[in-house]
Amino acid sequence: MSSKELLWLLTLAVIPGVLISIPTLHAQGKGPESQILTYAGKQYSGTQDPEYISYDQALREYMVKKIEKKFGIALDPKQYSGFDLLEIEALLKFKKADEPADLVLKQFPGNQ
């Protein structure tokens, strides 16, 4: 086996390991994204599961900070679910520039 072939095989063996470790390394950080990534791939027995409740709380806090930073809109994390906040962010991204954000927010039960 030539040195080029050996180098090629070694590269193919190392790349999957590096790709697998990237999310794990990122999750070990101290930022809010890392708190969310610690829940990646987990399954929950329901909405009353303590692990789900802590995941939803971390998601709410992260999304509220992200929406405030990106769109300048301060939201209460207790008022919306994590998934509502994900949807709010998506709708704010695609709203027209002259359209008020209140039109987006009034669609959600937490803002009525």
C-alpha atoms as a PDB file:
ATOM      1  CA  MET A   1       0.000   0.000   0.000  1.00  0.00           C
ATOM      2  CA  SER A   2       1.424   3.355  -0.977  1.00  0.00           C
ATOM      3  CA  SER A   3       1.712   6.285   1.415  1.00  0.00           C
ATOM      4  CA  LYS A   4      -0.987   8.199  -0.503  1.00  0.00           C
ATOM      5  CA  GLU A   5      -3.449   5.340  -0.063  1.00  0.00           C
ATOM      6  CA  LEU A   6      -2.582   5.048   3.616  1.00  0.00           C
ATOM      7  CA  LEU A   7      -3.066   8.789   4.102  1.00  0.00           C
ATOM      8  CA  TRP A   8      -6.423   8.622   2.278  1.00  0.00           C
ATOM      9  CA  LEU A   9      -7.642   5.740   4.481  1.00  0.00           C
ATOM     10  CA  LEU A  10      -6.482   7.513   7.622  1.00  0.00           C
ATOM     11  CA  THR A  11      -8.338  10.660   6.563  1.00  0.00           C
ATOM     12  CA  LEU A  12     -11.507   8.661   5.927  1.00  0.00           C
ATOM     13  CA  ALA A  13     -11.216   7.085   9.362  1.00  0.00           C
ATOM     14  CA  VAL A  14     -10.721  10.400  11.204  1.00  0.00           C
ATOM     15  CA  ILE A  15     -13.391  12.576   9.531  1.00  0.00           C
ATOM     16  CA  PRO A  16     -16.455  10.746  10.953  1.00  0.00           C
ATOM     17  CA  GLY A  17     -15.031  10.953  14.457  1.00  0.00           C
ATOM     18  CA  VAL A  18     -14.493  14.685  14.119  1.00  0.00           C
ATOM     19  CA  LEU A  19     -17.993  15.232  12.726  1.00  0.00           C
ATOM     20  CA  ILE A  20     -19.546  13.272  15.578  1.00  0.00           C
ATOM     21  CA  SER A  21     -17.630  15.191  18.242  1.00  0.00           C
ATOM     22  CA  ILE A  22     -18.477  18.724  17.009  1.00  0.00           C
ATOM     23  CA  PRO A  23     -21.973  18.919  18.611  1.00  0.00           C
ATOM     24  CA  THR A  24     -20.614  17.444  21.831  1.00  0.00           C
ATOM     25  CA  LEU A  25     -17.803  19.990  21.996  1.00  0.00           C
ATOM     26  CA  HIS A  26     -20.229  22.817  21.253  1.00  0.00           C
ATOM     27  CA  ALA A  27     -22.609  21.608  23.970  1.00  0.00           C
ATOM     28  CA  GLN A  28     -19.812  21.793  26.538  1.00  0.00           C
ATOM     29  CA  GLY A  29     -19.636  25.559  26.072  1.00  0.00           C
ATOM     30  CA  LYS A  30     -21.187  27.982  28.493  1.00  0.00           C
ATOM     31  CA  GLY A  31     -23.505  29.857  26.143  1.00  0.00           C
ATOM     32  CA  PRO A  32     -27.284  29.517  26.021  1.00  0.00           C
ATOM     33  CA  GLU A  33     -27.043  27.438  22.839  1.00  0.00           C
ATOM     34  CA  SER A  34     -25.096  24.837  24.781  1.00  0.00           C
ATOM     35  CA  GLN A  35     -27.927  24.518  27.285  1.00  0.00           C
ATOM     36  CA  ILE A  36     -30.301  23.658  24.458  1.00  0.00           C
ATOM     37  CA  LEU A  37     -27.892  21.197  22.838  1.00  0.00           C
ATOM     38  CA  THR A  38     -27.653  19.158  26.041  1.00  0.00           C
ATOM     39  CA  TYR A  39     -31.233  18.056  25.355  1.00  0.00           C
ATOM     40  CA  ALA A  40     -30.562  17.035  21.737  1.00  0.00           C
ATOM     41  CA  GLY A  41     -31.848  13.560  20.899  1.00  0.00           C
ATOM     42  CA  LYS A  42     -33.644  12.979  24.181  1.00  0.00           C
ATOM     43  CA  GLN A  43     -37.156  11.614  24.387  1.00  0.00           C
ATOM     44  CA  TYR A  44     -39.672  12.634  27.008  1.00  0.00           C
ATOM     45  CA  SER A  45     -42.630  10.785  28.472  1.00  0.00           C
ATOM     46  CA  GLY A  46     -44.815  13.887  28.219  1.00  0.00           C
ATOM     47  CA  THR A  47     -45.099  17.558  28.988  1.00  0.00           C
ATOM     48  CA  GLN A  48     -45.030  16.844  32.737  1.00  0.00           C
ATOM     49  CA  ASP A  49     -41.652  15.085  32.508  1.00  0.00           C
ATOM     50  CA  PRO A  50     -39.163  17.119  34.615  1.00  0.00           C
ATOM     51  CA  GLU A  51     -36.516  16.832  31.856  1.00  0.00           C
ATOM     52  CA  TYR A  52     -39.005  18.222  29.299  1.00  0.00           C
ATOM     53  CA  ILE A  53     -39.920  21.084  31.618  1.00  0.00           C
ATOM     54  CA  SER A  54     -36.262  22.063  32.041  1.00  0.00           C
ATOM     55  CA  TYR A  55     -35.718  21.766  28.259  1.00  0.00           C
ATOM     56  CA  ASP A  56     -38.712  23.999  27.545  1.00  0.00           C
ATOM     57  CA  GLN A  57     -37.500  26.560  30.093  1.00  0.00           C
ATOM     58  CA  ALA A  58     -34.011  26.636  28.539  1.00  0.00           C
ATOM     59  CA  LEU A  59     -35.558  26.955  25.054  1.00  0.00           C
ATOM     60  CA  ARG A  60     -37.817  29.802  26.195  1.00  0.00           C
ATOM     61  CA  GLU A  61     -34.961  31.765  27.725  1.00  0.00           C
ATOM     62  CA  TYR A  62     -32.749  31.248  24.695  1.00  0.00           C
ATOM     63  CA  MET A  63     -35.445  32.233  22.195  1.00  0.00           C
ATOM     64  CA  VAL A  64     -36.508  35.337  24.157  1.00  0.00           C
ATOM     65  CA  LYS A  65     -32.902  36.577  24.171  1.00  0.00           C
ATOM     66  CA  LYS A  66     -32.489  35.748  20.485  1.00  0.00           C
ATOM     67  CA  ILE A  67     -35.711  37.538  19.463  1.00  0.00           C
ATOM     68  CA  GLU A  68     -34.805  40.598  21.529  1.00  0.00           C
ATOM     69  CA  LYS A  69     -31.309  40.744  20.056  1.00  0.00           C
ATOM     70  CA  LYS A  70     -32.419  40.160  16.469  1.00  0.00           C
ATOM     71  CA  PHE A  71     -35.719  42.075  16.301  1.00  0.00           C
ATOM     72  CA  GLY A  72     -35.631  44.387  19.334  1.00  0.00           C
ATOM     73  CA  ILE A  73     -38.817  42.891  20.769  1.00  0.00           C
ATOM     74  CA  ALA A  74     -38.837  42.056  24.475  1.00  0.00           C
ATOM     75  CA  LEU A  75     -41.017  39.048  25.277  1.00  0.00           C
ATOM     76  CA  ASP A  76     -41.833  37.329  28.560  1.00  0.00           C
ATOM     77  CA  PRO A  77     -40.579  33.707  28.558  1.00  0.00           C
ATOM     78  CA  LYS A  78     -43.403  32.716  30.937  1.00  0.00           C
ATOM     79  CA  GLN A  79     -46.027  33.926  28.498  1.00  0.00           C
ATOM     80  CA  TYR A  80     -45.145  31.666  25.543  1.00  0.00           C
ATOM     81  CA  SER A  81     -44.082  28.053  25.092  1.00  0.00           C
ATOM     82  CA  GLY A  82     -40.710  27.274  23.568  1.00  0.00           C
ATOM     83  CA  PHE A  83     -42.363  26.151  20.365  1.00  0.00           C
ATOM     84  CA  ASP A  84     -44.487  29.311  20.195  1.00  0.00           C
ATOM     85  CA  LEU A  85     -41.287  31.341  20.431  1.00  0.00           C
ATOM     86  CA  LEU A  86     -39.721  29.333  17.598  1.00  0.00           C
ATOM     87  CA  GLU A  87     -42.780  30.071  15.467  1.00  0.00           C
ATOM     88  CA  ILE A  88     -42.767  33.748  16.453  1.00  0.00           C
ATOM     89  CA  GLU A  89     -39.144  34.032  15.362  1.00  0.00           C
ATOM     90  CA  ALA A  90     -39.940  32.423  12.006  1.00  0.00           C
ATOM     91  CA  LEU A  91     -42.901  34.745  11.402  1.00  0.00           C
ATOM     92  CA  LEU A  92     -40.900  37.824  12.375  1.00  0.00           C
ATOM     93  CA  LYS A  93     -38.219  36.862   9.867  1.00  0.00           C
ATOM     94  CA  PHE A  94     -40.715  36.892   7.028  1.00  0.00           C
ATOM     95  CA  LYS A  95     -43.026  39.737   7.956  1.00  0.00           C
ATOM     96  CA  LYS A  96     -43.013  42.788   5.745  1.00  0.00           C
ATOM     97  CA  ALA A  97     -40.859  45.696   6.878  1.00  0.00           C
ATOM     98  CA  ASP A  98     -43.852  48.029   7.257  1.00  0.00           C
ATOM     99  CA  GLU A  99     -45.960  45.416   9.047  1.00  0.00           C
ATOM    100  CA  PRO A 100     -46.102  45.860  12.837  1.00  0.00           C
ATOM    101  CA  ALA A 101     -44.845  43.010  15.010  1.00  0.00           C
ATOM    102  CA  ASP A 102     -48.098  43.133  17.003  1.00  0.00           C
ATOM    103  CA  LEU A 103     -49.886  41.458  14.090  1.00  0.00           C
ATOM    104  CA  VAL A 104     -47.583  38.479  14.499  1.00  0.00           C
ATOM    105  CA  LEU A 105     -47.736  38.388  18.286  1.00  0.00           C
ATOM    106  CA  LYS A 106     -51.520  38.605  18.606  1.00  0.00           C
ATOM    107  CA  GLN A 107     -51.817  35.227  16.846  1.00  0.00           C
ATOM    108  CA  PHE A 108     -50.449  33.470  19.947  1.00  0.00           C
ATOM    109  CA  PRO A 109     -52.458  32.606  23.049  1.00  0.00           C
ATOM    110  CA  GLY A 110     -49.924  34.168  25.420  1.00  0.00           C
ATOM    111  CA  ASN A 111     -50.517  37.632  23.977  1.00  0.00           C
ATOM    112  CA  GLN A 112     -54.258  38.051  24.168  1.00  0.00           C
END
